[in-house]
Amino acid sequence: MTKPKARKYAKNGVKELSKSKDKNDKAHLKQALKYYIDTFKQLGNKDLSDYFEKTYNKTFLHIQIEEVNPKDKN
């Protein structure tokens, strides 16, 4: 697999899992993002590791904030 195809595959997979409401998909997304962050850091690709790290923080820090301070549903 070429580098551009690998990038596209990784980004598309993350997008699809991000849209899902299934808890298993969220757990898989968390694992996939950590894997991509570590892999691209080891490969020296700062752009992609930063992209996946920002996606991870945006997705999971938001969820953690919601759990601590749930929005009032009134």
C-alpha atoms as a PDB file:
ATOM      1  CA  MET A   1       0.000   0.000   0.000  1.00  0.00           C
ATOM      2  CA  THR A   2       1.374   3.408  -0.925  1.00  0.00           C
ATOM      3  CA  LYS A   3       1.709   6.215   1.611  1.00  0.00           C
ATOM      4  CA  PRO A   4      -1.106   8.343   0.113  1.00  0.00           C
ATOM      5  CA  LYS A   5      -3.440   5.322   0.087  1.00  0.00           C
ATOM      6  CA  ALA A   6      -2.504   4.491   3.691  1.00  0.00           C
ATOM      7  CA  ARG A   7      -3.218   8.072   4.792  1.00  0.00           C
ATOM      8  CA  LYS A   8      -6.558   8.106   2.997  1.00  0.00           C
ATOM      9  CA  TYR A   9      -7.499   4.696   4.436  1.00  0.00           C
ATOM     10  CA  ALA A  10      -6.615   5.766   7.986  1.00  0.00           C
ATOM     11  CA  LYS A  11      -8.466   9.082   7.761  1.00  0.00           C
ATOM     12  CA  ASN A  12     -11.576   7.490   6.216  1.00  0.00           C
ATOM     13  CA  GLY A  13     -11.672   4.768   8.873  1.00  0.00           C
ATOM     14  CA  VAL A  14     -11.429   7.346  11.638  1.00  0.00           C
ATOM     15  CA  LYS A  15     -14.210   9.442  10.066  1.00  0.00           C
ATOM     16  CA  GLU A  16     -16.553   6.448   9.836  1.00  0.00           C
ATOM     17  CA  LEU A  17     -15.913   5.318  13.412  1.00  0.00           C
ATOM     18  CA  SER A  18     -16.307   8.903  14.663  1.00  0.00           C
ATOM     19  CA  LYS A  19     -19.853   9.036  13.278  1.00  0.00           C
ATOM     20  CA  SER A  20     -20.946   5.835  15.038  1.00  0.00           C
ATOM     21  CA  LYS A  21     -22.903   5.898  18.308  1.00  0.00           C
ATOM     22  CA  ASP A  22     -21.992   2.275  19.150  1.00  0.00           C
ATOM     23  CA  LYS A  23     -19.812   1.974  22.283  1.00  0.00           C
ATOM     24  CA  ASN A  24     -17.765  -0.829  20.690  1.00  0.00           C
ATOM     25  CA  ASP A  25     -16.979   1.419  17.736  1.00  0.00           C
ATOM     26  CA  LYS A  26     -15.918   4.196  20.111  1.00  0.00           C
ATOM     27  CA  ALA A  27     -13.539   1.804  21.886  1.00  0.00           C
ATOM     28  CA  HIS A  28     -12.166   0.655  18.526  1.00  0.00           C
ATOM     29  CA  LEU A  29     -11.774   4.279  17.410  1.00  0.00           C
ATOM     30  CA  LYS A  30      -9.810   5.082  20.561  1.00  0.00           C
ATOM     31  CA  GLN A  31      -7.469   2.139  19.931  1.00  0.00           C
ATOM     32  CA  ALA A  32      -7.099   2.986  16.237  1.00  0.00           C
ATOM     33  CA  LEU A  33      -6.265   6.620  16.947  1.00  0.00           C
ATOM     34  CA  LYS A  34      -3.645   5.664  19.539  1.00  0.00           C
ATOM     35  CA  TYR A  35      -2.173   3.177  17.055  1.00  0.00           C
ATOM     36  CA  TYR A  36      -2.004   5.759  14.258  1.00  0.00           C
ATOM     37  CA  ILE A  37      -0.510   8.399  16.574  1.00  0.00           C
ATOM     38  CA  ASP A  38       2.237   6.012  17.706  1.00  0.00           C
ATOM     39  CA  THR A  39       2.870   4.570  14.245  1.00  0.00           C
ATOM     40  CA  PHE A  40       3.189   7.909  12.478  1.00  0.00           C
ATOM     41  CA  LYS A  41       5.401   9.278  15.276  1.00  0.00           C
ATOM     42  CA  GLN A  42       7.719   6.289  14.854  1.00  0.00           C
ATOM     43  CA  LEU A  43       7.754   6.816  11.090  1.00  0.00           C
ATOM     44  CA  GLY A  44       8.636  10.473  11.609  1.00  0.00           C
ATOM     45  CA  ASN A  45       5.453  11.776   9.990  1.00  0.00           C
ATOM     46  CA  LYS A  46       4.642  14.664  12.325  1.00  0.00           C
ATOM     47  CA  ASP A  47       1.776  15.984  10.182  1.00  0.00           C
ATOM     48  CA  LEU A  48      -0.229  12.771  10.374  1.00  0.00           C
ATOM     49  CA  SER A  49       0.612  12.015  14.001  1.00  0.00           C
ATOM     50  CA  ASP A  50      -0.511  15.557  14.907  1.00  0.00           C
ATOM     51  CA  TYR A  51      -3.689  15.144  12.820  1.00  0.00           C
ATOM     52  CA  PHE A  52      -4.667  11.932  14.636  1.00  0.00           C
ATOM     53  CA  GLU A  53      -3.679  13.363  18.021  1.00  0.00           C
ATOM     54  CA  LYS A  54      -5.915  16.409  17.449  1.00  0.00           C
ATOM     55  CA  THR A  55      -8.740  14.113  16.348  1.00  0.00           C
ATOM     56  CA  TYR A  56      -8.246  11.976  19.472  1.00  0.00           C
ATOM     57  CA  ASN A  57      -8.252  14.999  21.778  1.00  0.00           C
ATOM     58  CA  LYS A  58     -11.248  16.581  20.057  1.00  0.00           C
ATOM     59  CA  THR A  59     -13.276  13.365  20.184  1.00  0.00           C
ATOM     60  CA  PHE A  60     -12.398  11.915  23.566  1.00  0.00           C
ATOM     61  CA  LEU A  61     -11.722  15.018  25.637  1.00  0.00           C
ATOM     62  CA  HIS A  62     -15.156  16.275  24.554  1.00  0.00           C
ATOM     63  CA  ILE A  63     -16.724  12.994  25.730  1.00  0.00           C
ATOM     64  CA  GLN A  64     -14.902  13.177  29.077  1.00  0.00           C
ATOM     65  CA  ILE A  65     -16.043  16.778  29.623  1.00  0.00           C
ATOM     66  CA  GLU A  66     -19.638  15.738  28.848  1.00  0.00           C
ATOM     67  CA  GLU A  67     -19.441  12.926  31.412  1.00  0.00           C
ATOM     68  CA  VAL A  68     -18.172  15.302  34.111  1.00  0.00           C
ATOM     69  CA  ASN A  69     -20.477  18.200  33.209  1.00  0.00           C
ATOM     70  CA  PRO A  70     -23.509  16.787  31.365  1.00  0.00           C
ATOM     71  CA  LYS A  71     -25.550  19.344  29.494  1.00  0.00           C
ATOM     72  CA  ASP A  72     -28.927  20.065  31.023  1.00  0.00           C
ATOM     73  CA  LYS A  73     -31.558  18.402  28.834  1.00  0.00           C
ATOM     74  CA  ASN A  74     -34.378  20.824  29.740  1.00  0.00           C
END
